[in-house]
Amino acid sequence: MDLPLYKTFTEEQCKKFGPVRTAEEFGVRRRVYETPFLYANVAAGDFYEIDPDKGIEFKADDGFLTITEDRPIVGVTVVGSGCTRGGYNIVEWWDEGETIDNMKNHLLKRQRTDGLNGIHPNIWTELFRRVPWVDVTYADAAEGEIKDAVDMFRRLTRGWYDNLETSFYENTVYFRVGSKFHHPTKVTVRCGCKGTEDLGTSLERYPADYAIRLVETQVMA
């Protein structure tokens, strides 16, 4: 059942802001880029390490992936995980010389998603491998019952769901890029975590780093 419509555009508003328009429709192609992002049209900078188990670990805010396409970009999907909980992803697509102080078309060309709590799985598998009772469990298990550290982690977290803050998942974030009349051919992805990494050590830093494993661009067909 439709919701009751109590107020809509007035006739004067339709004349002032009209005419009535139709939605823009276009086909897309999907292009997938995977870590370590060694592609001719991709620039990566300000990262701490390249780990095959978690991707490129980017320095919060300063780390970046810039992707330049030969077609207009209408969407970007980012897949990755943080060094701590509270991760965030940012996608921006400023024109040359454009900033928040002189932005065009009243559109802030920066988007951000917070609350990304997936944490690198390899951190936790290594941790569990070093806990004494895990070794005992390995020793007491029937031969072939527990295959490896990842399998142990799966069992200890009830199938990777919820009872640890890692939950053993990756974060996938989609960003809708551009406006009706303008879609960029270049985007920059940034990331980080609103947590402290390596607390109490010489490597301690805030905000914490974030690792990106895959980026998919959706470009006009």
N, C-alpha and C. Protein backbone atom coordinates (compact mmCIF):
# COMPACT_ATOMS: atom_id res chain seq x y z
N MET A 1 0.84 -1.19 0.00
CA MET A 1 0.00 0.00 0.00
C MET A 1 0.88 1.24 0.00
N ASP A 2 0.55 2.21 -0.86
CA ASP A 2 1.33 3.44 -0.93
C ASP A 2 1.10 4.29 0.32
N LEU A 3 2.16 4.99 0.75
CA LEU A 3 2.01 5.91 1.86
C LEU A 3 1.18 7.12 1.43
N PRO A 4 0.37 7.68 2.35
CA PRO A 4 -0.43 8.86 1.99
C PRO A 4 0.46 10.04 1.66
N LEU A 5 0.14 10.77 0.62
CA LEU A 5 0.93 11.91 0.17
C LEU A 5 0.25 13.18 0.65
N TYR A 6 0.83 13.81 1.67
CA TYR A 6 0.21 15.00 2.25
C TYR A 6 0.66 16.28 1.57
N LYS A 7 1.87 16.25 1.02
CA LYS A 7 2.37 17.46 0.40
C LYS A 7 3.30 17.09 -0.74
N THR A 8 3.20 17.77 -1.85
CA THR A 8 4.07 17.51 -2.98
C THR A 8 4.45 18.84 -3.61
N PHE A 9 5.08 18.81 -4.78
CA PHE A 9 5.47 20.04 -5.45
C PHE A 9 4.23 20.85 -5.83
N THR A 10 4.31 22.14 -5.59
CA THR A 10 3.22 23.02 -6.02
C THR A 10 3.36 23.32 -7.50
N GLU A 11 2.33 23.85 -8.08
CA GLU A 11 2.37 24.19 -9.50
C GLU A 11 3.43 25.25 -9.76
N GLU A 12 3.57 26.19 -8.81
CA GLU A 12 4.59 27.24 -8.96
C GLU A 12 6.00 26.65 -8.90
N GLN A 13 6.22 25.68 -8.01
CA GLN A 13 7.54 25.04 -7.91
C GLN A 13 7.86 24.25 -9.17
N CYS A 14 6.88 23.60 -9.73
CA CYS A 14 7.10 22.84 -10.97
C CYS A 14 7.51 23.77 -12.10
N LYS A 15 6.91 24.96 -12.16
CA LYS A 15 7.26 25.92 -13.20
C LYS A 15 8.66 26.49 -12.96
N LYS A 16 8.99 26.73 -11.68
CA LYS A 16 10.28 27.34 -11.35
C LYS A 16 11.43 26.38 -11.55
N PHE A 17 11.27 25.12 -11.12
CA PHE A 17 12.38 24.16 -11.15
C PHE A 17 12.25 23.12 -12.27
N GLY A 18 11.15 23.14 -12.99
CA GLY A 18 10.91 22.17 -14.05
C GLY A 18 11.73 22.46 -15.30
N PRO A 19 11.46 21.74 -16.37
CA PRO A 19 10.33 20.80 -16.49
C PRO A 19 10.63 19.46 -15.82
N VAL A 20 9.64 18.60 -15.78
CA VAL A 20 9.81 17.26 -15.23
C VAL A 20 10.83 16.51 -16.07
N ARG A 21 11.77 15.87 -15.41
CA ARG A 21 12.87 15.21 -16.11
C ARG A 21 12.74 13.69 -16.05
N THR A 22 13.53 13.04 -16.85
CA THR A 22 13.63 11.58 -16.80
C THR A 22 15.01 11.20 -16.28
N ALA A 23 15.11 10.04 -15.65
CA ALA A 23 16.39 9.60 -15.09
C ALA A 23 17.38 9.27 -16.20
N GLU A 24 18.65 9.54 -15.91
CA GLU A 24 19.72 9.18 -16.84
C GLU A 24 19.92 7.68 -16.80
N GLU A 25 20.03 7.07 -17.95
CA GLU A 25 20.20 5.62 -18.03
C GLU A 25 21.39 5.29 -18.92
N PHE A 26 22.27 4.40 -18.43
CA PHE A 26 23.43 4.01 -19.23
C PHE A 26 23.89 2.63 -18.79
N GLY A 27 24.55 1.95 -19.69
CA GLY A 27 25.15 0.66 -19.37
C GLY A 27 26.53 0.86 -18.77
N VAL A 28 27.03 -0.14 -18.05
CA VAL A 28 28.35 -0.03 -17.42
C VAL A 28 29.20 -1.26 -17.72
N ARG A 29 30.50 -1.05 -17.64
CA ARG A 29 31.48 -2.12 -17.64
C ARG A 29 32.16 -2.15 -16.28
N ARG A 30 32.48 -3.33 -15.81
CA ARG A 30 33.12 -3.47 -14.51
C ARG A 30 34.58 -3.86 -14.71
N ARG A 31 35.47 -3.12 -14.07
CA ARG A 31 36.89 -3.40 -14.15
C ARG A 31 37.42 -3.66 -12.75
N VAL A 32 38.10 -4.77 -12.57
CA VAL A 32 38.54 -5.21 -11.25
C VAL A 32 40.05 -5.11 -11.13
N TYR A 33 40.51 -4.48 -10.05
CA TYR A 33 41.94 -4.33 -9.75
C TYR A 33 42.22 -5.00 -8.41
N GLU A 34 43.25 -5.85 -8.38
CA GLU A 34 43.57 -6.60 -7.17
C GLU A 34 44.97 -6.24 -6.67
N THR A 35 45.16 -6.43 -5.35
CA THR A 35 46.46 -6.20 -4.75
C THR A 35 47.51 -7.08 -5.44
N PRO A 36 48.72 -6.60 -5.68
CA PRO A 36 49.31 -5.34 -5.20
C PRO A 36 49.10 -4.13 -6.12
N PHE A 37 48.09 -4.18 -6.98
CA PHE A 37 47.69 -3.03 -7.81
C PHE A 37 48.80 -2.56 -8.74
N LEU A 38 49.45 -3.52 -9.38
CA LEU A 38 50.48 -3.18 -10.37
C LEU A 38 49.81 -3.12 -11.75
N TYR A 39 49.21 -1.97 -12.02
CA TYR A 39 48.53 -1.72 -13.29
C TYR A 39 49.03 -0.39 -13.85
N ALA A 40 49.05 -0.29 -15.17
CA ALA A 40 49.57 0.92 -15.81
C ALA A 40 48.75 2.15 -15.47
N ASN A 41 47.47 2.00 -15.19
CA ASN A 41 46.58 3.14 -14.93
C ASN A 41 46.28 3.33 -13.45
N VAL A 42 47.07 2.68 -12.57
CA VAL A 42 46.85 2.78 -11.12
C VAL A 42 48.12 3.27 -10.44
N ALA A 43 47.99 4.29 -9.58
CA ALA A 43 49.10 4.79 -8.78
C ALA A 43 48.81 4.50 -7.31
N ALA A 44 49.80 3.94 -6.59
CA ALA A 44 49.66 3.64 -5.16
C ALA A 44 50.76 4.35 -4.40
N GLY A 45 50.42 4.91 -3.24
CA GLY A 45 51.43 5.62 -2.48
C GLY A 45 51.16 5.63 -0.99
N ASP A 46 52.22 5.87 -0.21
CA ASP A 46 52.16 5.96 1.25
C ASP A 46 51.56 4.72 1.88
N PHE A 47 52.26 3.61 1.70
CA PHE A 47 51.83 2.37 2.34
C PHE A 47 53.00 1.77 3.11
N TYR A 48 52.68 0.95 4.11
CA TYR A 48 53.71 0.39 4.99
C TYR A 48 54.22 -0.96 4.49
N GLU A 49 53.33 -1.77 3.95
CA GLU A 49 53.76 -3.10 3.54
C GLU A 49 52.79 -3.67 2.51
N ILE A 50 53.29 -4.68 1.79
CA ILE A 50 52.44 -5.45 0.87
C ILE A 50 52.43 -6.88 1.39
N ASP A 51 51.28 -7.31 1.85
CA ASP A 51 51.13 -8.63 2.46
C ASP A 51 50.15 -9.43 1.61
N PRO A 52 50.56 -10.57 1.05
CA PRO A 52 49.66 -11.34 0.20
C PRO A 52 48.40 -11.81 0.92
N ASP A 53 48.45 -11.89 2.26
CA ASP A 53 47.29 -12.34 3.01
C ASP A 53 46.28 -11.25 3.30
N LYS A 54 46.69 -9.98 3.20
CA LYS A 54 45.75 -8.91 3.53
C LYS A 54 45.76 -7.75 2.53
N GLY A 55 46.66 -7.73 1.59
CA GLY A 55 46.70 -6.66 0.61
C GLY A 55 47.73 -5.61 0.94
N ILE A 56 47.64 -4.43 0.33
CA ILE A 56 48.53 -3.32 0.63
C ILE A 56 48.00 -2.61 1.87
N GLU A 57 48.86 -2.44 2.87
CA GLU A 57 48.48 -1.76 4.11
C GLU A 57 48.81 -0.28 3.98
N PHE A 58 47.78 0.54 3.81
CA PHE A 58 47.97 1.96 3.54
C PHE A 58 48.01 2.77 4.83
N LYS A 59 48.86 3.79 4.84
CA LYS A 59 48.89 4.74 5.95
C LYS A 59 47.57 5.50 5.97
N ALA A 60 46.99 5.64 7.16
CA ALA A 60 45.68 6.28 7.27
C ALA A 60 45.70 7.69 6.67
N ASP A 61 44.67 7.98 5.88
CA ASP A 61 44.44 9.30 5.27
C ASP A 61 45.45 9.66 4.18
N ASP A 62 46.75 9.48 4.44
CA ASP A 62 47.77 9.85 3.46
C ASP A 62 47.96 8.79 2.38
N GLY A 63 47.71 7.54 2.71
CA GLY A 63 47.83 6.48 1.72
C GLY A 63 46.75 6.61 0.65
N PHE A 64 47.06 6.17 -0.56
CA PHE A 64 46.08 6.38 -1.63
C PHE A 64 46.25 5.37 -2.76
N LEU A 65 45.16 5.13 -3.44
CA LEU A 65 45.12 4.44 -4.73
C LEU A 65 44.42 5.37 -5.69
N THR A 66 45.08 5.79 -6.75
CA THR A 66 44.44 6.63 -7.76
C THR A 66 44.31 5.83 -9.05
N ILE A 67 43.08 5.74 -9.54
CA ILE A 67 42.79 4.95 -10.75
C ILE A 67 42.31 5.90 -11.83
N THR A 68 42.95 5.83 -12.99
CA THR A 68 42.57 6.65 -14.14
C THR A 68 42.01 5.74 -15.24
N GLU A 69 40.80 6.03 -15.67
CA GLU A 69 40.14 5.23 -16.70
C GLU A 69 40.02 6.03 -18.00
N ASP A 70 39.77 5.30 -19.10
CA ASP A 70 39.55 5.96 -20.39
C ASP A 70 38.07 6.22 -20.64
N ARG A 71 37.23 5.90 -19.67
CA ARG A 71 35.79 6.12 -19.76
C ARG A 71 35.30 6.75 -18.46
N PRO A 72 34.16 7.44 -18.48
CA PRO A 72 33.63 8.04 -17.25
C PRO A 72 33.32 6.99 -16.19
N ILE A 73 33.68 7.29 -14.95
CA ILE A 73 33.47 6.38 -13.82
C ILE A 73 32.17 6.76 -13.12
N VAL A 74 31.30 5.79 -12.90
CA VAL A 74 30.02 6.06 -12.23
C VAL A 74 29.92 5.40 -10.86
N GLY A 75 30.84 4.48 -10.55
CA GLY A 75 30.80 3.83 -9.25
C GLY A 75 32.14 3.19 -8.92
N VAL A 76 32.41 3.05 -7.62
CA VAL A 76 33.64 2.42 -7.14
C VAL A 76 33.29 1.51 -5.96
N THR A 77 33.78 0.28 -5.99
CA THR A 77 33.61 -0.65 -4.89
C THR A 77 34.98 -0.97 -4.30
N VAL A 78 35.10 -0.88 -2.97
CA VAL A 78 36.36 -1.11 -2.27
C VAL A 78 36.20 -2.30 -1.33
N VAL A 79 37.14 -3.25 -1.40
CA VAL A 79 37.13 -4.42 -0.53
C VAL A 79 38.44 -4.44 0.26
N GLY A 80 38.34 -4.56 1.58
CA GLY A 80 39.55 -4.59 2.40
C GLY A 80 39.24 -4.80 3.86
N SER A 81 40.25 -4.59 4.71
CA SER A 81 40.08 -4.79 6.16
C SER A 81 41.05 -3.89 6.90
N GLY A 82 40.75 -3.61 8.18
CA GLY A 82 41.53 -2.68 8.96
C GLY A 82 42.50 -3.37 9.90
N CYS A 83 43.45 -2.57 10.42
CA CYS A 83 44.37 -3.07 11.45
C CYS A 83 43.69 -3.08 12.82
N THR A 84 42.65 -2.27 12.99
CA THR A 84 41.83 -2.28 14.19
C THR A 84 40.38 -2.16 13.72
N ARG A 85 39.45 -2.17 14.66
CA ARG A 85 38.07 -1.92 14.28
C ARG A 85 37.88 -0.43 14.04
N GLY A 86 36.70 -0.05 13.57
CA GLY A 86 36.43 1.36 13.28
C GLY A 86 37.05 1.84 11.99
N GLY A 87 37.12 0.97 10.99
CA GLY A 87 37.72 1.36 9.71
C GLY A 87 36.84 2.32 8.93
N TYR A 88 37.46 3.02 7.97
CA TYR A 88 36.70 3.90 7.09
C TYR A 88 37.34 3.89 5.71
N ASN A 89 36.52 4.10 4.69
CA ASN A 89 36.96 4.23 3.31
C ASN A 89 36.51 5.58 2.78
N ILE A 90 37.34 6.19 1.95
CA ILE A 90 37.05 7.48 1.32
C ILE A 90 37.31 7.37 -0.17
N VAL A 91 36.40 7.91 -0.98
CA VAL A 91 36.62 8.04 -2.42
C VAL A 91 36.40 9.50 -2.80
N GLU A 92 37.33 10.08 -3.57
CA GLU A 92 37.20 11.47 -4.00
C GLU A 92 37.60 11.62 -5.45
N TRP A 93 37.04 12.66 -6.09
CA TRP A 93 37.27 12.81 -7.54
C TRP A 93 37.26 14.30 -7.93
N TRP A 94 38.08 15.09 -7.25
CA TRP A 94 38.15 16.52 -7.55
C TRP A 94 38.68 16.76 -8.97
N ASP A 95 38.16 17.81 -9.62
CA ASP A 95 38.73 18.26 -10.89
C ASP A 95 40.07 18.93 -10.62
N GLU A 96 40.86 19.11 -11.67
CA GLU A 96 42.17 19.76 -11.53
C GLU A 96 42.00 21.16 -10.95
N GLY A 97 42.70 21.44 -9.85
CA GLY A 97 42.63 22.74 -9.21
C GLY A 97 41.41 22.97 -8.33
N GLU A 98 40.52 21.98 -8.26
CA GLU A 98 39.29 22.13 -7.48
C GLU A 98 39.50 21.63 -6.05
N THR A 99 38.97 22.37 -5.09
CA THR A 99 39.03 21.99 -3.68
C THR A 99 37.67 22.22 -3.05
N ILE A 100 37.57 21.93 -1.75
CA ILE A 100 36.32 22.17 -1.05
C ILE A 100 35.97 23.66 -1.02
N ASP A 101 36.98 24.53 -1.21
CA ASP A 101 36.75 25.97 -1.18
C ASP A 101 36.22 26.53 -2.50
N ASN A 102 36.44 25.80 -3.59
CA ASN A 102 35.96 26.32 -4.88
C ASN A 102 35.26 25.22 -5.69
N MET A 103 34.58 24.32 -4.98
CA MET A 103 33.95 23.19 -5.66
C MET A 103 32.86 23.66 -6.61
N LYS A 104 32.68 22.88 -7.67
CA LYS A 104 31.73 23.22 -8.73
C LYS A 104 30.42 22.45 -8.54
N ASN A 105 29.36 23.00 -9.08
CA ASN A 105 28.06 22.34 -9.12
C ASN A 105 27.49 22.02 -7.74
N HIS A 106 28.01 22.68 -6.69
CA HIS A 106 27.50 22.48 -5.33
C HIS A 106 27.58 21.01 -4.90
N LEU A 107 28.51 20.28 -5.44
CA LEU A 107 28.66 18.86 -5.11
C LEU A 107 30.01 18.64 -4.45
N LEU A 108 29.99 18.16 -3.21
CA LEU A 108 31.23 17.81 -2.52
C LEU A 108 31.72 16.48 -3.08
N LYS A 109 32.85 16.50 -3.76
CA LYS A 109 33.30 15.32 -4.49
C LYS A 109 34.18 14.42 -3.62
N ARG A 110 33.69 14.17 -2.43
CA ARG A 110 34.36 13.27 -1.50
C ARG A 110 33.28 12.53 -0.71
N GLN A 111 33.39 11.21 -0.66
CA GLN A 111 32.43 10.40 0.10
C GLN A 111 33.19 9.51 1.08
N ARG A 112 32.54 9.21 2.19
CA ARG A 112 33.20 8.44 3.25
C ARG A 112 32.20 7.48 3.88
N THR A 113 32.68 6.27 4.18
CA THR A 113 31.90 5.28 4.93
C THR A 113 32.69 4.85 6.15
N ASP A 114 32.05 4.92 7.33
CA ASP A 114 32.70 4.57 8.59
C ASP A 114 32.12 3.27 9.16
N GLY A 115 32.66 2.87 10.31
CA GLY A 115 32.13 1.71 11.02
C GLY A 115 32.44 0.38 10.38
N LEU A 116 33.61 0.28 9.72
CA LEU A 116 34.00 -0.96 9.05
C LEU A 116 34.83 -1.80 10.01
N ASN A 117 34.25 -2.83 10.60
CA ASN A 117 34.90 -3.55 11.69
C ASN A 117 35.56 -4.86 11.29
N GLY A 118 35.60 -5.18 10.02
CA GLY A 118 36.37 -6.34 9.59
C GLY A 118 37.85 -6.08 9.78
N ILE A 119 38.55 -7.01 10.42
CA ILE A 119 39.98 -6.85 10.72
C ILE A 119 40.76 -7.95 10.02
N HIS A 120 42.03 -7.66 9.64
CA HIS A 120 42.82 -8.64 8.88
C HIS A 120 42.72 -10.04 9.52
N PRO A 121 42.26 -11.02 8.78
CA PRO A 121 42.17 -12.37 9.35
C PRO A 121 43.51 -12.94 9.76
N ASN A 122 44.60 -12.60 9.05
CA ASN A 122 45.89 -13.23 9.36
C ASN A 122 46.41 -12.83 10.74
N ILE A 123 46.02 -11.62 11.22
CA ILE A 123 46.43 -11.20 12.57
C ILE A 123 45.91 -12.19 13.60
N TRP A 124 44.67 -12.59 13.44
CA TRP A 124 44.03 -13.42 14.47
C TRP A 124 44.39 -14.89 14.33
N THR A 125 44.62 -15.36 13.12
CA THR A 125 45.06 -16.74 12.99
C THR A 125 46.43 -16.92 13.62
N GLU A 126 47.32 -15.93 13.41
CA GLU A 126 48.64 -16.00 14.02
C GLU A 126 48.54 -15.92 15.55
N LEU A 127 47.65 -15.08 16.05
CA LEU A 127 47.47 -14.97 17.49
C LEU A 127 47.01 -16.30 18.09
N PHE A 128 46.02 -16.90 17.50
CA PHE A 128 45.50 -18.16 18.04
C PHE A 128 46.53 -19.28 17.95
N ARG A 129 47.38 -19.23 16.95
CA ARG A 129 48.40 -20.28 16.83
C ARG A 129 49.40 -20.22 17.97
N ARG A 130 49.51 -19.07 18.63
CA ARG A 130 50.49 -18.89 19.70
C ARG A 130 49.89 -19.03 21.10
N VAL A 131 48.60 -19.29 21.19
CA VAL A 131 47.95 -19.47 22.50
C VAL A 131 48.13 -20.92 22.93
N PRO A 132 48.64 -21.16 24.16
CA PRO A 132 48.96 -22.54 24.59
C PRO A 132 47.81 -23.51 24.44
N TRP A 133 46.58 -23.11 24.82
CA TRP A 133 45.50 -24.09 24.77
C TRP A 133 45.10 -24.46 23.36
N VAL A 134 45.44 -23.59 22.39
CA VAL A 134 45.21 -23.96 21.00
C VAL A 134 46.11 -25.12 20.60
N ASP A 135 47.39 -25.06 21.05
CA ASP A 135 48.31 -26.15 20.76
C ASP A 135 47.80 -27.46 21.35
N VAL A 136 47.26 -27.37 22.58
CA VAL A 136 46.71 -28.57 23.21
C VAL A 136 45.55 -29.11 22.40
N THR A 137 44.70 -28.21 21.95
CA THR A 137 43.56 -28.64 21.15
C THR A 137 44.01 -29.32 19.88
N TYR A 138 45.04 -28.75 19.25
CA TYR A 138 45.59 -29.40 18.06
C TYR A 138 46.08 -30.82 18.41
N ALA A 139 46.80 -30.93 19.51
CA ALA A 139 47.39 -32.23 19.87
C ALA A 139 46.32 -33.26 20.19
N ASP A 140 45.24 -32.83 20.83
CA ASP A 140 44.20 -33.77 21.25
C ASP A 140 43.20 -34.09 20.15
N ALA A 141 43.18 -33.27 19.09
CA ALA A 141 42.19 -33.50 18.04
C ALA A 141 42.52 -34.76 17.25
N ALA A 142 41.45 -35.44 16.84
CA ALA A 142 41.65 -36.62 16.00
C ALA A 142 42.34 -36.22 14.71
N GLU A 143 43.16 -37.12 14.20
CA GLU A 143 43.92 -36.81 12.99
C GLU A 143 42.98 -36.40 11.86
N GLY A 144 43.25 -35.23 11.28
CA GLY A 144 42.44 -34.75 10.18
C GLY A 144 41.21 -33.97 10.60
N GLU A 145 40.92 -33.92 11.91
CA GLU A 145 39.71 -33.23 12.35
C GLU A 145 39.83 -31.72 12.22
N ILE A 146 41.01 -31.17 12.58
CA ILE A 146 41.28 -29.75 12.42
C ILE A 146 42.43 -29.62 11.43
N LYS A 147 42.17 -28.92 10.34
CA LYS A 147 43.11 -28.90 9.24
C LYS A 147 44.28 -27.94 9.45
N ASP A 148 43.97 -26.71 9.92
CA ASP A 148 45.02 -25.71 10.05
C ASP A 148 44.53 -24.59 10.96
N ALA A 149 45.34 -23.50 11.05
CA ALA A 149 44.99 -22.40 11.95
C ALA A 149 43.71 -21.70 11.52
N VAL A 150 43.50 -21.57 10.22
CA VAL A 150 42.28 -20.94 9.73
C VAL A 150 41.06 -21.77 10.11
N ASP A 151 41.17 -23.07 9.96
CA ASP A 151 40.06 -23.95 10.35
C ASP A 151 39.81 -23.86 11.85
N MET A 152 40.87 -23.78 12.65
CA MET A 152 40.72 -23.62 14.08
C MET A 152 39.98 -22.32 14.39
N PHE A 153 40.37 -21.24 13.73
CA PHE A 153 39.73 -19.95 13.96
C PHE A 153 38.25 -19.99 13.59
N ARG A 154 37.94 -20.67 12.49
CA ARG A 154 36.54 -20.81 12.09
C ARG A 154 35.74 -21.50 13.18
N ARG A 155 36.29 -22.56 13.76
CA ARG A 155 35.59 -23.30 14.80
C ARG A 155 35.43 -22.47 16.07
N LEU A 156 36.48 -21.69 16.41
CA LEU A 156 36.45 -20.91 17.64
C LEU A 156 35.52 -19.70 17.54
N THR A 157 35.16 -19.30 16.34
CA THR A 157 34.28 -18.14 16.18
C THR A 157 32.93 -18.55 15.59
N ARG A 158 32.54 -19.78 15.80
CA ARG A 158 31.21 -20.26 15.38
C ARG A 158 30.96 -19.97 13.91
N GLY A 159 31.88 -20.37 13.09
CA GLY A 159 31.71 -20.16 11.66
C GLY A 159 31.99 -18.75 11.20
N TRP A 160 32.84 -18.05 11.97
CA TRP A 160 33.29 -16.70 11.63
C TRP A 160 32.23 -15.64 11.93
N TYR A 161 31.29 -15.92 12.81
CA TYR A 161 30.22 -14.96 13.07
C TYR A 161 30.28 -14.38 14.48
N ASP A 162 30.45 -13.09 14.61
CA ASP A 162 29.99 -12.24 15.69
C ASP A 162 30.60 -12.35 17.07
N ASN A 163 31.11 -13.49 17.54
CA ASN A 163 31.50 -13.49 18.94
C ASN A 163 32.95 -13.04 19.16
N LEU A 164 33.62 -12.57 18.10
CA LEU A 164 34.84 -11.78 18.23
C LEU A 164 34.66 -10.54 17.36
N GLU A 165 35.32 -9.46 17.72
CA GLU A 165 35.09 -8.23 16.96
C GLU A 165 35.59 -8.35 15.52
N THR A 166 36.48 -9.28 15.25
CA THR A 166 36.91 -9.46 13.87
C THR A 166 35.81 -10.03 13.02
N SER A 167 35.08 -10.98 13.54
CA SER A 167 34.04 -11.71 12.82
C SER A 167 34.56 -12.34 11.53
N PHE A 168 35.85 -12.23 11.28
CA PHE A 168 36.50 -12.90 10.16
C PHE A 168 35.82 -12.61 8.82
N TYR A 169 35.64 -11.33 8.56
CA TYR A 169 35.06 -10.94 7.28
C TYR A 169 35.80 -9.76 6.70
N GLU A 170 35.61 -9.53 5.41
CA GLU A 170 36.16 -8.34 4.75
C GLU A 170 35.05 -7.28 4.70
N ASN A 171 35.46 -6.03 4.52
CA ASN A 171 34.51 -4.95 4.33
C ASN A 171 34.37 -4.67 2.84
N THR A 172 33.14 -4.52 2.37
CA THR A 172 32.88 -4.15 0.98
C THR A 172 32.02 -2.91 0.97
N VAL A 173 32.54 -1.84 0.35
CA VAL A 173 31.86 -0.54 0.36
C VAL A 173 31.68 -0.05 -1.07
N TYR A 174 30.46 0.41 -1.38
CA TYR A 174 30.17 0.94 -2.71
C TYR A 174 29.99 2.45 -2.65
N PHE A 175 30.59 3.16 -3.61
CA PHE A 175 30.46 4.61 -3.71
C PHE A 175 29.87 4.96 -5.08
N ARG A 176 28.85 5.78 -5.08
CA ARG A 176 28.26 6.27 -6.32
C ARG A 176 28.99 7.57 -6.68
N VAL A 177 29.64 7.60 -7.83
CA VAL A 177 30.56 8.68 -8.19
C VAL A 177 29.94 9.56 -9.28
N GLY A 178 30.12 10.89 -9.13
CA GLY A 178 29.71 11.82 -10.18
C GLY A 178 28.30 12.35 -10.00
N SER A 179 27.87 13.18 -10.95
CA SER A 179 26.54 13.76 -10.97
C SER A 179 25.88 13.42 -12.30
N LYS A 180 24.68 13.93 -12.50
CA LYS A 180 23.96 13.62 -13.75
C LYS A 180 24.73 14.09 -14.97
N PHE A 181 25.39 15.24 -14.83
CA PHE A 181 26.02 15.84 -16.01
C PHE A 181 27.53 15.65 -16.05
N HIS A 182 28.11 15.12 -14.99
CA HIS A 182 29.57 15.00 -14.99
C HIS A 182 30.00 13.76 -14.22
N HIS A 183 30.78 12.92 -14.88
CA HIS A 183 31.38 11.75 -14.25
C HIS A 183 32.89 11.80 -14.51
N PRO A 184 33.70 11.63 -13.50
CA PRO A 184 35.15 11.75 -13.67
C PRO A 184 35.75 10.54 -14.36
N THR A 185 36.96 10.69 -14.85
CA THR A 185 37.71 9.55 -15.37
C THR A 185 38.84 9.16 -14.42
N LYS A 186 38.93 9.87 -13.28
CA LYS A 186 39.96 9.55 -12.29
C LYS A 186 39.37 9.64 -10.89
N VAL A 187 39.65 8.63 -10.05
CA VAL A 187 39.21 8.64 -8.66
C VAL A 187 40.38 8.26 -7.76
N THR A 188 40.34 8.73 -6.51
CA THR A 188 41.34 8.37 -5.52
C THR A 188 40.65 7.73 -4.32
N VAL A 189 41.19 6.59 -3.89
CA VAL A 189 40.66 5.85 -2.74
C VAL A 189 41.62 6.05 -1.57
N ARG A 190 41.09 6.42 -0.40
CA ARG A 190 41.86 6.53 0.83
C ARG A 190 41.17 5.71 1.92
N CYS A 191 41.87 5.53 3.04
CA CYS A 191 41.32 4.64 4.06
C CYS A 191 42.03 4.86 5.39
N GLY A 192 41.58 4.17 6.42
CA GLY A 192 42.18 4.25 7.74
C GLY A 192 41.27 3.62 8.77
N CYS A 193 41.66 3.71 10.05
CA CYS A 193 40.87 3.15 11.15
C CYS A 193 40.87 4.13 12.32
N LYS A 194 39.72 4.28 12.96
CA LYS A 194 39.62 5.15 14.13
C LYS A 194 39.96 4.37 15.39
N GLY A 195 41.13 3.77 15.38
CA GLY A 195 41.65 3.02 16.51
C GLY A 195 43.16 3.19 16.55
N THR A 196 43.78 2.82 17.66
CA THR A 196 45.24 2.92 17.80
C THR A 196 45.88 1.59 17.47
N GLU A 197 46.89 1.62 16.62
CA GLU A 197 47.56 0.40 16.18
C GLU A 197 48.86 0.20 16.96
N ASP A 198 49.17 -1.08 17.27
CA ASP A 198 50.41 -1.44 17.97
C ASP A 198 50.57 -0.64 19.26
N LEU A 199 49.51 -0.62 20.05
CA LEU A 199 49.47 0.16 21.28
C LEU A 199 50.62 -0.21 22.22
N GLY A 200 51.31 0.81 22.75
CA GLY A 200 52.36 0.59 23.72
C GLY A 200 53.70 0.19 23.14
N THR A 201 53.84 0.24 21.81
CA THR A 201 55.11 -0.10 21.17
C THR A 201 55.67 1.11 20.44
N SER A 202 56.89 0.97 19.92
CA SER A 202 57.51 2.06 19.17
C SER A 202 56.78 2.32 17.85
N LEU A 203 55.94 1.37 17.42
CA LEU A 203 55.19 1.52 16.17
C LEU A 203 53.81 2.11 16.38
N GLU A 204 53.47 2.47 17.62
CA GLU A 204 52.12 2.95 17.92
C GLU A 204 51.76 4.15 17.05
N ARG A 205 50.57 4.12 16.47
CA ARG A 205 50.12 5.23 15.65
C ARG A 205 48.59 5.29 15.61
N TYR A 206 48.09 6.51 15.47
CA TYR A 206 46.66 6.78 15.35
C TYR A 206 46.48 7.89 14.32
N PRO A 207 45.54 7.75 13.42
CA PRO A 207 44.67 6.60 13.21
C PRO A 207 45.43 5.40 12.63
N ALA A 208 44.85 4.23 12.81
CA ALA A 208 45.52 3.00 12.38
C ALA A 208 45.41 2.82 10.87
N ASP A 209 46.23 1.91 10.36
CA ASP A 209 46.29 1.64 8.92
C ASP A 209 45.10 0.79 8.47
N TYR A 210 44.99 0.67 7.16
CA TYR A 210 43.91 -0.11 6.55
C TYR A 210 44.45 -0.77 5.29
N ALA A 211 44.09 -2.02 5.06
CA ALA A 211 44.58 -2.77 3.90
C ALA A 211 43.47 -2.93 2.86
N ILE A 212 43.79 -2.63 1.62
CA ILE A 212 42.84 -2.80 0.52
C ILE A 212 43.28 -3.98 -0.33
N ARG A 213 42.33 -4.85 -0.63
CA ARG A 213 42.63 -6.05 -1.40
C ARG A 213 42.12 -5.97 -2.83
N LEU A 214 41.03 -5.23 -3.03
CA LEU A 214 40.41 -5.21 -4.36
C LEU A 214 39.64 -3.92 -4.53
N VAL A 215 39.71 -3.35 -5.72
CA VAL A 215 38.89 -2.20 -6.09
C VAL A 215 38.24 -2.50 -7.44
N GLU A 216 36.95 -2.24 -7.51
CA GLU A 216 36.23 -2.41 -8.78
C GLU A 216 35.67 -1.06 -9.20
N THR A 217 35.94 -0.65 -10.44
CA THR A 217 35.34 0.56 -10.98
C THR A 217 34.22 0.15 -11.94
N GLN A 218 33.17 0.94 -11.92
CA GLN A 218 32.10 0.78 -12.91
C GLN A 218 32.16 1.97 -13.85
N VAL A 219 32.48 1.71 -15.11
CA VAL A 219 32.64 2.77 -16.10
C VAL A 219 31.53 2.65 -17.13
N MET A 220 31.22 3.77 -17.77
CA MET A 220 30.18 3.76 -18.80
C MET A 220 30.60 2.87 -19.96
N ALA A 221 29.66 2.08 -20.43
CA ALA A 221 29.95 1.17 -21.54
C ALA A 221 30.06 1.94 -22.86
